[in-house]
N, C-alpha and C. Protein backbone atom coordinates (compact mmCIF):
# COMPACT_ATOMS: atom_id res chain seq x y z
N MET A 1 121.22 -50.29 130.71
CA MET A 1 120.94 -48.59 131.15
C MET A 1 121.36 -48.51 132.33
N ASP A 2 121.65 -47.33 132.97
CA ASP A 2 121.69 -46.85 134.47
C ASP A 2 120.27 -46.67 134.88
N THR A 3 119.76 -47.23 136.04
CA THR A 3 118.62 -46.86 136.52
C THR A 3 118.03 -45.52 136.30
N ALA A 4 118.84 -44.37 136.86
CA ALA A 4 118.25 -43.18 136.57
C ALA A 4 117.49 -42.62 135.30
N ALA A 5 118.91 -43.15 134.58
CA ALA A 5 118.61 -42.99 132.86
C ALA A 5 117.22 -43.64 132.75
N ALA A 6 117.23 -45.09 133.15
CA ALA A 6 115.85 -45.70 132.50
C ALA A 6 114.51 -45.12 132.94
N ARG A 7 114.66 -44.85 134.06
CA ARG A 7 113.36 -44.18 134.68
C ARG A 7 113.14 -42.74 134.34
N ALA A 8 113.99 -42.20 133.74
CA ALA A 8 114.07 -41.26 133.08
C ALA A 8 113.23 -41.00 131.49
N THR A 9 113.77 -42.18 130.48
CA THR A 9 113.31 -42.33 129.84
C THR A 9 111.95 -43.13 129.17
N SER A 10 111.64 -43.72 130.93
CA SER A 10 110.05 -44.17 130.90
C SER A 10 109.12 -42.82 131.13
N ALA A 11 109.64 -42.41 131.99
CA ALA A 11 108.43 -41.54 132.51
C ALA A 11 108.56 -39.81 130.74
N LEU A 12 109.90 -39.98 130.12
CA LEU A 12 109.83 -39.21 129.24
C LEU A 12 109.87 -39.77 127.73
N PRO A 13 109.07 -40.21 127.25
CA PRO A 13 109.06 -41.14 126.27
C PRO A 13 109.25 -40.62 125.10
N ASP A 14 109.71 -39.10 125.30
CA ASP A 14 110.30 -37.93 123.92
C ASP A 14 112.03 -38.32 123.77
N ILE A 15 112.26 -38.73 124.94
CA ILE A 15 114.01 -38.46 124.98
C ILE A 15 114.21 -39.42 123.39
N PRO A 16 115.10 -39.00 122.66
CA PRO A 16 116.15 -39.72 121.59
C PRO A 16 116.72 -40.94 121.98
N CYS A 17 116.50 -42.08 121.95
CA CYS A 17 117.02 -43.27 122.65
C CYS A 17 117.01 -43.96 121.13
N ASP A 18 117.71 -45.16 121.58
CA ASP A 18 118.09 -46.46 120.81
C ASP A 18 117.80 -47.31 121.82
N ALA A 19 118.35 -48.71 121.11
CA ALA A 19 118.10 -50.00 121.97
C ALA A 19 119.06 -49.71 123.22
N GLU A 20 120.05 -49.12 123.69
CA GLU A 20 120.96 -49.36 124.47
C GLU A 20 120.39 -48.17 125.47
N GLY A 21 119.49 -46.97 125.41
CA GLY A 21 119.29 -45.65 126.07
C GLY A 21 119.27 -44.60 125.73
N PRO A 22 119.44 -43.57 125.85
CA PRO A 22 119.41 -42.29 125.65
C PRO A 22 120.54 -41.95 124.22
N VAL A 23 120.37 -41.20 123.37
CA VAL A 23 121.40 -41.00 122.28
C VAL A 23 121.59 -39.48 122.59
N PHE A 24 122.70 -39.47 122.37
CA PHE A 24 123.35 -37.80 122.34
C PHE A 24 124.07 -37.64 120.97
N ARG A 25 123.68 -36.54 120.37
CA ARG A 25 124.99 -35.85 119.32
C ARG A 25 126.10 -34.96 119.76
N GLU A 26 125.93 -34.69 121.05
CA GLU A 26 127.20 -33.78 121.39
C GLU A 26 127.45 -34.18 122.70
N PRO A 27 128.34 -33.83 123.31
CA PRO A 27 128.65 -34.15 124.93
C PRO A 27 128.36 -33.10 125.86
N TRP A 28 127.57 -32.12 125.33
CA TRP A 28 126.73 -31.47 126.03
C TRP A 28 125.29 -31.65 126.25
N GLU A 29 124.95 -32.16 125.31
CA GLU A 29 123.58 -32.81 125.88
C GLU A 29 124.10 -33.57 126.51
N ALA A 30 124.56 -34.77 126.86
CA ALA A 30 124.63 -35.78 127.71
C ALA A 30 124.96 -35.47 129.07
N GLN A 31 125.94 -33.98 128.90
CA GLN A 31 125.97 -33.55 130.55
C GLN A 31 124.75 -32.90 130.80
N ALA A 32 123.91 -32.09 129.85
CA ALA A 32 122.47 -31.77 130.52
C ALA A 32 121.74 -32.46 131.06
N PHE A 33 121.77 -33.67 130.04
CA PHE A 33 120.93 -34.84 130.79
C PHE A 33 121.45 -35.46 132.00
N ALA A 34 122.52 -35.20 132.23
CA ALA A 34 123.12 -36.00 133.52
C ALA A 34 122.89 -35.18 134.29
N MET A 35 122.63 -33.45 134.23
CA MET A 35 122.59 -32.56 135.13
C MET A 35 121.00 -32.85 135.68
N ALA A 36 120.53 -33.03 134.83
CA ALA A 36 118.72 -33.06 134.91
C ALA A 36 118.57 -34.23 136.06
N LEU A 37 118.60 -35.61 135.39
CA LEU A 37 118.63 -36.43 136.21
C LEU A 37 119.38 -36.21 137.61
N ALA A 38 120.17 -35.79 137.89
CA ALA A 38 120.86 -35.52 139.46
C ALA A 38 119.98 -34.42 139.99
N LEU A 39 119.64 -33.64 139.36
CA LEU A 39 118.68 -32.86 140.13
C LEU A 39 117.27 -33.45 140.96
N HIS A 40 116.89 -34.31 139.43
CA HIS A 40 115.14 -34.88 139.81
C HIS A 40 115.45 -36.19 140.86
N GLU A 41 116.75 -36.70 140.61
CA GLU A 41 117.03 -37.32 142.03
C GLU A 41 117.30 -36.81 143.43
N ARG A 42 117.32 -35.43 143.06
CA ARG A 42 117.93 -34.91 144.71
C ARG A 42 116.67 -34.19 144.85
N GLY A 43 115.42 -34.34 144.13
CA GLY A 43 114.10 -34.02 144.40
C GLY A 43 113.55 -32.30 144.34
N LEU A 44 114.40 -31.97 143.26
CA LEU A 44 114.05 -30.63 143.01
C LEU A 44 113.04 -30.14 142.18
N PHE A 45 112.52 -31.27 140.90
CA PHE A 45 111.74 -31.64 140.36
C PHE A 45 110.38 -33.01 140.39
N THR A 46 109.63 -32.99 139.80
CA THR A 46 108.96 -34.29 139.11
C THR A 46 109.00 -34.63 138.24
N TRP A 47 109.29 -35.77 137.46
CA TRP A 47 109.05 -35.79 136.40
C TRP A 47 107.94 -34.90 135.23
N SER A 48 106.94 -35.09 136.06
CA SER A 48 105.44 -34.31 135.17
C SER A 48 105.73 -33.24 135.62
N GLU A 49 106.42 -32.49 136.49
CA GLU A 49 106.90 -30.90 136.33
C GLU A 49 107.93 -30.90 135.11
N TRP A 50 109.19 -31.49 135.05
CA TRP A 50 109.78 -31.77 133.92
C TRP A 50 108.98 -31.85 132.80
N ALA A 51 108.06 -32.47 132.43
CA ALA A 51 107.64 -32.60 131.17
C ALA A 51 106.85 -31.67 130.81
N ALA A 52 106.20 -30.94 132.12
CA ALA A 52 105.13 -29.87 131.74
C ALA A 52 106.19 -28.78 130.71
N THR A 53 106.88 -28.43 131.88
CA THR A 53 108.30 -27.58 131.39
C THR A 53 108.89 -27.13 130.26
N LEU A 54 109.43 -28.51 129.65
CA LEU A 54 109.82 -29.35 128.61
C LEU A 54 108.54 -28.65 127.24
N ALA A 55 107.67 -29.18 127.68
CA ALA A 55 106.63 -28.73 126.48
C ALA A 55 106.24 -27.49 126.12
N SER A 56 106.16 -26.45 127.33
CA SER A 56 106.30 -25.40 127.52
C SER A 56 107.52 -24.59 126.80
N GLU A 57 108.43 -25.11 126.99
CA GLU A 57 109.37 -24.28 126.03
C GLU A 57 109.66 -24.95 124.75
N ILE A 58 109.29 -26.43 124.48
CA ILE A 58 109.20 -26.39 122.77
C ILE A 58 107.91 -25.97 122.34
N LYS A 59 106.79 -25.58 122.69
CA LYS A 59 105.78 -24.50 122.30
C LYS A 59 106.27 -23.40 122.10
N GLN A 60 106.91 -22.96 123.19
CA GLN A 60 107.41 -21.56 122.78
C GLN A 60 108.35 -21.77 122.01
N ALA A 61 109.40 -22.48 121.51
CA ALA A 61 110.18 -22.36 120.30
C ALA A 61 109.75 -22.50 119.00
N GLN A 62 108.49 -23.12 118.99
CA GLN A 62 108.14 -23.89 117.65
C GLN A 62 107.13 -22.41 117.14
N ALA A 63 106.61 -21.62 118.41
CA ALA A 63 106.29 -20.70 117.66
C ALA A 63 107.58 -18.94 117.55
N ALA A 64 108.16 -19.47 117.69
CA ALA A 64 109.39 -18.60 117.21
C ALA A 64 110.27 -19.20 116.28
N GLY A 65 109.66 -20.20 115.60
CA GLY A 65 109.97 -20.40 114.29
C GLY A 65 110.78 -21.65 114.79
N ASP A 66 111.19 -22.70 115.12
CA ASP A 66 111.90 -24.08 115.40
C ASP A 66 110.96 -24.85 114.81
N PRO A 67 111.83 -25.76 113.84
CA PRO A 67 111.30 -26.59 113.11
C PRO A 67 110.40 -27.65 113.27
N ASP A 68 111.48 -27.99 114.69
CA ASP A 68 111.37 -29.35 115.35
C ASP A 68 111.41 -30.28 114.38
N THR A 69 112.73 -30.40 113.82
CA THR A 69 113.39 -31.75 113.56
C THR A 69 113.68 -32.85 114.29
N GLY A 70 113.80 -32.25 115.48
CA GLY A 70 114.22 -33.03 116.71
C GLY A 70 116.18 -32.74 116.72
N GLU A 71 116.58 -31.90 116.08
CA GLU A 71 118.05 -31.52 116.16
C GLU A 71 117.95 -30.72 116.97
N THR A 72 116.82 -30.19 117.67
CA THR A 72 117.00 -29.23 119.16
C THR A 72 116.66 -29.47 120.35
N TYR A 73 116.17 -30.97 119.94
CA TYR A 73 115.36 -31.27 121.57
C TYR A 73 116.46 -30.81 122.64
N TYR A 74 117.54 -30.94 122.82
CA TYR A 74 118.79 -30.86 123.87
C TYR A 74 118.87 -29.43 124.27
N ARG A 75 118.36 -28.96 123.42
CA ARG A 75 118.60 -27.13 123.53
C ARG A 75 116.88 -27.00 124.49
N HIS A 76 116.16 -27.67 123.91
CA HIS A 76 115.27 -27.41 124.97
C HIS A 76 115.37 -27.50 126.23
N TRP A 77 115.92 -29.10 126.38
CA TRP A 77 116.47 -29.88 127.52
C TRP A 77 117.42 -28.70 128.16
N LEU A 78 118.15 -27.88 127.91
CA LEU A 78 118.58 -27.30 128.29
C LEU A 78 118.42 -25.93 128.86
N ALA A 79 117.33 -25.33 128.06
CA ALA A 79 116.27 -24.40 128.45
C ALA A 79 115.66 -24.38 129.53
N THR A 80 115.17 -25.70 129.53
CA THR A 80 113.87 -26.33 130.86
C THR A 80 114.92 -26.48 131.96
N LEU A 81 116.15 -27.13 131.65
CA LEU A 81 116.56 -27.31 132.68
C LEU A 81 117.09 -25.96 133.71
N GLU A 82 117.53 -24.87 132.72
CA GLU A 82 117.76 -23.15 133.53
C GLU A 82 116.58 -22.56 133.94
N ARG A 83 114.99 -22.96 133.36
CA ARG A 83 114.00 -22.52 133.90
C ARG A 83 114.02 -22.73 134.88
N LEU A 84 113.79 -24.07 135.19
CA LEU A 84 113.41 -25.01 136.15
C LEU A 84 114.38 -24.54 137.87
N ILE A 85 115.64 -24.15 137.48
CA ILE A 85 116.25 -23.88 138.73
C ILE A 85 116.69 -22.37 139.04
N ALA A 86 115.82 -21.41 138.11
CA ALA A 86 115.77 -20.15 137.90
C ALA A 86 114.73 -20.24 139.05
N GLU A 87 113.66 -21.10 138.79
CA GLU A 87 112.24 -20.84 139.51
C GLU A 87 112.18 -21.55 140.92
N LYS A 88 113.04 -22.44 140.93
CA LYS A 88 113.33 -23.03 142.72
C LYS A 88 114.44 -22.53 143.45
N GLY A 89 114.64 -21.42 142.89
CA GLY A 89 115.58 -20.65 143.72
C GLY A 89 117.37 -21.09 143.21
N VAL A 90 117.84 -22.33 142.50
CA VAL A 90 118.80 -22.80 142.73
C VAL A 90 119.96 -21.28 142.28
N THR A 91 119.82 -20.94 141.54
CA THR A 91 120.28 -19.55 141.23
C THR A 91 119.55 -18.76 140.22
N THR A 92 119.58 -17.63 139.55
CA THR A 92 118.67 -16.87 139.14
C THR A 92 119.27 -16.32 137.63
N SER A 93 118.19 -16.15 136.99
CA SER A 93 118.49 -15.91 135.43
C SER A 93 119.27 -14.93 135.29
N GLU A 94 119.88 -13.95 135.85
CA GLU A 94 120.62 -13.14 135.79
C GLU A 94 121.94 -13.90 136.23
N THR A 95 122.63 -15.10 137.02
CA THR A 95 123.80 -15.74 137.39
C THR A 95 123.79 -16.27 136.11
N LEU A 96 122.66 -17.20 135.26
CA LEU A 96 122.60 -18.11 134.10
C LEU A 96 123.42 -17.37 133.10
N HIS A 97 122.97 -15.72 133.21
CA HIS A 97 123.30 -14.95 131.83
C HIS A 97 124.35 -14.77 132.33
N ARG A 98 125.27 -14.24 133.54
CA ARG A 98 126.62 -14.06 133.32
C ARG A 98 127.21 -15.14 133.07
N TYR A 99 127.06 -16.66 133.18
CA TYR A 99 127.72 -17.56 133.14
C TYR A 99 127.88 -17.78 131.64
N ARG A 100 126.68 -17.43 130.88
CA ARG A 100 126.90 -18.00 129.69
C ARG A 100 127.40 -16.67 128.96
N ALA A 101 127.52 -15.78 129.26
CA ALA A 101 128.13 -14.48 128.68
C ALA A 101 129.90 -14.64 128.76
N ALA A 102 130.47 -15.30 129.97
CA ALA A 102 131.63 -15.63 130.32
C ALA A 102 132.00 -17.25 129.39
N TRP A 103 131.08 -17.87 129.16
CA TRP A 103 131.28 -19.01 128.76
C TRP A 103 131.86 -18.84 126.99
N ASP A 104 130.82 -17.44 126.58
CA ASP A 104 131.01 -17.54 125.14
C ASP A 104 132.50 -16.84 125.13
N HIS A 105 133.19 -15.81 125.96
CA HIS A 105 134.10 -15.02 126.00
C HIS A 105 134.74 -16.19 125.74
N ALA A 106 135.29 -17.28 126.57
CA ALA A 106 135.99 -18.16 127.27
C ALA A 106 136.11 -18.72 125.47
N ALA A 107 135.21 -19.10 124.90
CA ALA A 107 135.09 -20.10 123.68
C ALA A 107 135.75 -19.18 122.78
N ASP A 108 135.33 -17.71 122.57
CA ASP A 108 136.21 -16.77 121.77
C ASP A 108 137.43 -17.12 121.53
N ARG A 109 137.94 -17.30 122.68
CA ARG A 109 139.80 -16.66 122.61
C ARG A 109 140.33 -18.36 122.98
N THR A 110 139.16 -19.26 122.75
CA THR A 110 139.81 -20.58 122.97
C THR A 110 140.28 -21.02 121.35
N PRO A 111 141.18 -21.73 120.99
CA PRO A 111 141.35 -22.19 119.92
C PRO A 111 140.21 -24.02 120.02
N HIS A 112 140.13 -23.86 118.51
CA HIS A 112 138.97 -24.97 118.28
C HIS A 112 139.55 -26.57 118.66
N GLY A 113 139.40 -27.11 119.44
CA GLY A 113 139.73 -28.58 119.83
C GLY A 113 140.47 -28.46 120.97
N THR A 114 140.64 -27.26 121.64
CA THR A 114 140.99 -26.79 123.09
C THR A 114 140.23 -26.93 124.10
N PRO A 115 139.85 -27.61 125.17
CA PRO A 115 139.21 -27.61 125.99
C PRO A 115 139.25 -25.90 126.50
N ILE A 116 137.76 -25.60 126.78
CA ILE A 116 137.57 -24.33 127.47
C ILE A 116 137.28 -23.86 128.87
N VAL A 117 138.63 -23.18 128.93
CA VAL A 117 138.44 -22.92 130.61
C VAL A 117 138.20 -21.70 130.95
N LEU A 118 137.16 -21.45 131.82
CA LEU A 118 136.81 -20.28 132.59
C LEU A 118 137.87 -19.58 133.25
N ARG A 119 138.05 -18.51 133.08
CA ARG A 119 138.56 -17.49 133.89
C ARG A 119 138.07 -16.34 134.81
N PRO A 120 138.37 -15.85 135.67
CA PRO A 120 138.05 -14.38 136.16
C PRO A 120 137.66 -13.43 135.38
N GLU A 121 138.76 -12.87 134.54
CA GLU A 121 138.05 -12.02 133.33
C GLU A 121 136.82 -12.27 132.21
N ASP A 122 136.92 -14.05 132.40
CA ASP A 122 135.90 -14.14 131.92
C ASP A 122 134.61 -13.15 132.36
N PHE A 123 134.63 -12.89 133.32
CA PHE A 123 133.22 -12.14 134.06
C PHE A 123 132.62 -11.11 134.02
N ASP A 124 133.98 -10.48 133.81
CA ASP A 124 133.91 -8.69 133.33
C ASP A 124 133.22 -8.09 132.22
C-alpha cells in the first residue's frame, strides 16, 4: 500500500479496507480519496481536522435520514472534501455548485459508457 494511503487508513480507521488497503465501489470514490490524500500531503488540513469534519458530515446525513449502511461513506467523504476546500478558501461553495451543475448537464447529454467531457456551454 502507498505510504500516504497507509497513513490515511491509520489515522482514519473507518475507511473501508481489505488486506491490501482502501476499497472502493466506484472510480469516483478512489478519486475523492486521492484528492483528499493530495490536499492533506500539501498541508491543507490535518487528519484530525478531516476526521472531525467527516464526523460532522455523517452526523448531518444521519439526521437527514441516511441509514448509515456504509454505502454512502464516500459521499460523506466527498462532502467533507468540498466543505474543507471551501472553508480553507481554495474555492467557494458557489464555484463548487457551478461545476456540479455543469457536470450534471454534461452527464445528461453523454451516452452511457462514454466518458463525460465538460464543455464551455455546460457552465451556462
